[in-house]
Protein backbone atom coordinates (compact mmCIF):
# COMPACT_ATOMS: atom_id res chain seq x y z
CA MET A 1 -20.82 -46.99 -68.25
CA THR A 2 -19.46 -50.61 -68.33
CA GLU A 3 -16.82 -51.36 -65.59
CA LYS A 4 -13.52 -52.35 -66.78
CA ILE A 5 -10.62 -54.14 -64.90
CA ASP A 6 -8.47 -51.76 -63.30
CA TYR A 7 -4.74 -52.17 -63.97
CA SER A 8 -1.43 -50.19 -63.86
CA ILE A 9 1.13 -50.37 -66.65
CA THR A 10 4.51 -51.23 -65.11
CA ARG A 11 6.58 -51.46 -68.37
CA VAL A 12 6.11 -50.72 -72.04
CA VAL A 13 8.27 -52.45 -74.81
CA ASP A 14 7.23 -51.22 -78.35
CA ASN A 15 3.55 -51.71 -78.54
CA LEU A 16 3.69 -54.34 -75.80
CA GLU A 17 2.44 -53.44 -72.21
CA ILE A 18 3.25 -55.31 -69.12
CA ARG A 19 0.41 -54.75 -66.65
CA ARG A 20 -0.32 -55.39 -63.03
CA TYR A 21 -3.97 -56.67 -62.57
CA PRO A 22 -5.60 -56.81 -59.15
CA ASP A 23 -7.55 -59.94 -57.87
CA VAL A 24 -10.62 -60.55 -60.04
CA ILE A 25 -13.55 -62.84 -59.97
CA ILE A 26 -14.80 -64.43 -63.19
CA ALA A 27 -17.68 -66.71 -64.28
CA THR A 28 -16.14 -69.18 -66.57
CA VAL A 29 -17.43 -71.89 -69.07
CA ARG A 30 -14.91 -74.43 -70.49
CA GLY A 31 -15.13 -76.74 -73.59
CA TYR A 32 -17.92 -74.82 -75.59
CA SER A 33 -17.73 -72.62 -78.56
CA ASP A 34 -17.64 -68.96 -77.91
CA ASN A 35 -21.25 -68.37 -78.76
CA GLU A 36 -22.38 -71.20 -76.75
CA ALA A 37 -20.29 -70.19 -73.63
CA PHE A 38 -21.39 -66.48 -74.17
CA GLY A 39 -25.14 -67.67 -73.92
CA ILE A 40 -24.49 -69.61 -70.83
CA LEU A 41 -22.75 -66.76 -69.13
CA PHE A 42 -25.22 -64.13 -70.45
CA ASP A 43 -28.03 -66.10 -68.87
CA TYR A 44 -26.03 -66.27 -65.60
CA ILE A 45 -25.62 -62.42 -65.42
CA ALA A 46 -29.20 -61.83 -66.68
CA GLY A 47 -30.53 -63.66 -63.38
CA SER A 48 -30.27 -67.31 -64.14
CA ASN A 49 -28.40 -67.77 -61.00
CA LYS A 50 -29.49 -69.25 -57.54
CA SER A 51 -29.97 -65.66 -56.09
CA LYS A 52 -32.08 -64.62 -59.24
CA LYS A 53 -29.95 -61.53 -59.15
CA LYS A 54 -28.98 -59.51 -62.26
CA ILE A 55 -25.28 -58.86 -62.54
CA GLU A 56 -23.88 -55.86 -64.64
CA MET A 57 -21.86 -56.63 -67.64
CA THR A 58 -18.21 -55.71 -67.36
CA ALA A 59 -15.20 -55.61 -69.76
CA PRO A 60 -13.25 -57.41 -71.05
CA VAL A 61 -14.68 -60.64 -71.88
CA ILE A 62 -11.89 -63.18 -71.78
CA SER A 63 -11.41 -66.28 -73.88
CA SER A 64 -8.43 -68.74 -73.52
CA GLU A 65 -7.60 -70.52 -76.68
CA LYS A 66 -5.59 -73.64 -76.82
CA ILE A 67 -2.41 -72.58 -78.80
CA PRO A 68 0.29 -75.47 -78.72
CA MET A 69 3.68 -73.67 -78.57
CA THR A 70 5.20 -75.80 -81.52
CA VAL A 71 2.35 -75.22 -83.95
CA PRO A 72 0.26 -72.03 -82.98
CA VAL A 73 -3.23 -73.22 -84.09
CA VAL A 74 -6.16 -71.65 -82.42
CA SER A 75 -8.73 -74.19 -80.97
CA ARG A 76 -12.31 -73.39 -80.10
CA THR A 77 -12.22 -75.59 -76.98
CA GLY A 78 -10.69 -73.26 -74.47
CA SER A 79 -12.50 -71.27 -71.87
CA PHE A 80 -14.81 -68.18 -71.99
CA SER A 81 -15.11 -65.79 -69.14
CA PHE A 82 -17.08 -62.71 -67.87
CA VAL A 83 -15.13 -60.60 -65.37
CA LEU A 84 -17.58 -59.91 -62.53
CA PRO A 85 -17.90 -56.33 -60.97
CA SER A 86 -15.33 -55.45 -58.41
CA SER A 87 -18.12 -55.10 -55.89
CA TYR A 88 -18.44 -58.90 -55.56
CA SER A 89 -16.24 -61.06 -53.45
CA MET A 90 -16.06 -64.91 -53.45
CA ASN A 91 -18.52 -64.84 -50.58
CA THR A 92 -21.05 -62.52 -52.22
CA VAL A 93 -21.14 -63.62 -55.74
CA PRO A 94 -24.32 -65.32 -56.88
CA GLU A 95 -23.95 -68.99 -57.57
CA PRO A 96 -24.59 -70.14 -61.16
CA SER A 97 -27.83 -72.21 -61.52
CA ASP A 98 -26.06 -73.95 -64.68
CA ALA A 99 -23.37 -76.39 -63.55
CA ARG A 100 -21.53 -75.52 -66.90
CA ALA A 101 -20.61 -72.11 -65.33
CA ARG A 102 -18.03 -71.76 -62.66
CA ILE A 103 -17.00 -68.91 -60.31
CA GLU A 104 -13.20 -68.53 -59.96
CA GLU A 105 -10.86 -66.02 -58.56
CA ILE A 106 -7.72 -64.93 -60.49
CA LYS A 107 -5.16 -63.61 -57.99
CA SER A 108 -3.19 -60.38 -58.69
CA ARG A 109 -0.83 -61.08 -61.57
CA SER A 110 1.47 -59.43 -64.21
CA VAL A 111 0.27 -59.81 -67.80
CA ALA A 112 1.88 -58.72 -71.22
CA VAL A 113 -0.65 -57.43 -73.59
CA ILE A 114 -0.80 -56.23 -77.19
CA ARG A 115 -3.87 -54.17 -78.17
CA PHE A 116 -5.44 -54.33 -81.53
CA ARG A 117 -8.65 -53.33 -83.52
CA GLY A 118 -10.82 -55.27 -85.82
CA TYR A 119 -12.48 -58.59 -85.70
CA THR A 120 -11.20 -61.54 -83.62
CA SER A 121 -10.91 -64.12 -86.45
CA ASP A 122 -8.76 -67.21 -85.64
CA GLU A 123 -6.12 -65.88 -88.10
CA ASN A 124 -6.02 -62.40 -86.67
CA VAL A 125 -5.73 -63.63 -83.02
CA LYS A 126 -3.09 -66.21 -83.96
CA SER A 127 -0.91 -63.62 -85.65
CA LYS A 128 -1.29 -61.28 -82.54
CA VAL A 129 -0.34 -64.16 -80.28
CA ILE A 130 2.75 -65.05 -82.28
CA MET A 131 3.70 -61.34 -82.31
CA LEU A 132 3.22 -61.27 -78.35
CA LEU A 133 5.17 -64.35 -77.72
CA ASP A 134 8.10 -63.27 -80.14
CA LYS A 135 8.31 -59.97 -78.37
CA LEU A 136 8.57 -61.54 -75.11
CA ARG A 137 11.19 -63.89 -76.16
CA LYS A 138 13.29 -61.16 -77.84
CA ASN A 139 13.14 -59.12 -74.60
CA GLY A 140 14.00 -62.00 -72.29
CA ILE A 141 10.57 -61.93 -70.48
CA ASP A 142 9.18 -65.27 -69.49
CA SER A 143 5.58 -66.12 -70.03
CA GLN A 144 3.34 -68.53 -68.02
CA GLY A 145 0.30 -70.35 -68.92
CA GLU A 146 -1.71 -70.10 -72.11
CA PRO A 147 -2.21 -66.77 -74.08
CA PHE A 148 -5.79 -65.38 -73.86
CA LEU A 149 -8.01 -63.02 -75.84
CA MET A 150 -9.72 -59.92 -74.18
CA ARG A 151 -12.65 -58.35 -76.03
CA TYR A 152 -14.09 -55.01 -74.81
CA ASN A 153 -17.04 -54.35 -77.19
CA PRO A 154 -20.52 -55.65 -77.88
CA PRO A 155 -20.79 -57.84 -81.10
CA PHE A 156 -22.64 -55.08 -83.01
CA THR A 157 -19.54 -52.70 -82.80
CA PRO A 158 -18.01 -52.01 -86.11
CA GLY A 159 -14.61 -53.79 -86.58
CA PHE A 160 -12.57 -50.54 -86.75
CA LEU A 161 -13.92 -49.46 -83.37
CA ARG A 162 -13.42 -52.65 -81.56
CA ARG A 163 -10.81 -52.88 -78.76
CA ASN A 164 -9.23 -56.30 -78.42
CA GLU A 165 -6.10 -57.46 -76.75
CA VAL A 166 -4.08 -60.62 -76.50
CA GLY A 167 -2.22 -61.32 -73.31
CA VAL A 168 -0.26 -63.85 -71.32
CA GLU A 169 0.97 -63.96 -67.64
CA VAL A 170 4.50 -63.06 -67.33
CA SER A 171 7.01 -63.35 -64.57
CA ILE A 172 8.33 -59.92 -63.73
């Protein structure tokens, strides 16, 4: 079974959840397409790291899209991240062999999330991000940083079975 990030739901507004996430460690690639970044990170967890250690795949896979607040256009030059298993700390996580992959820690935070099924086309993600930001605005909840996409399924999963989420950090 694939490990998923543990979180607690602190508030629900319509189909929007406010979640509290613990500290997590991620392996991240910036400035490449999703496919290129996925390949770099997959090699990392498959043992292409300085310890030559295989790392279990976890969910979700997170990508941050550049979405200007004035014109919500999804760009393919954001970041792409694998969440590493909770058994790792910043002191024990294997160091990437590929300099394009970076290990980062995200401290505990609150995130507003909308879940959806289907494929994560630019248009589909853009519409969900607009919905997320609109619901936050209407409910007086301030967001911080850029919205991001979380995907929970392997690429061969049929669209109607896929679990996806768009999220953004919030001040609660």
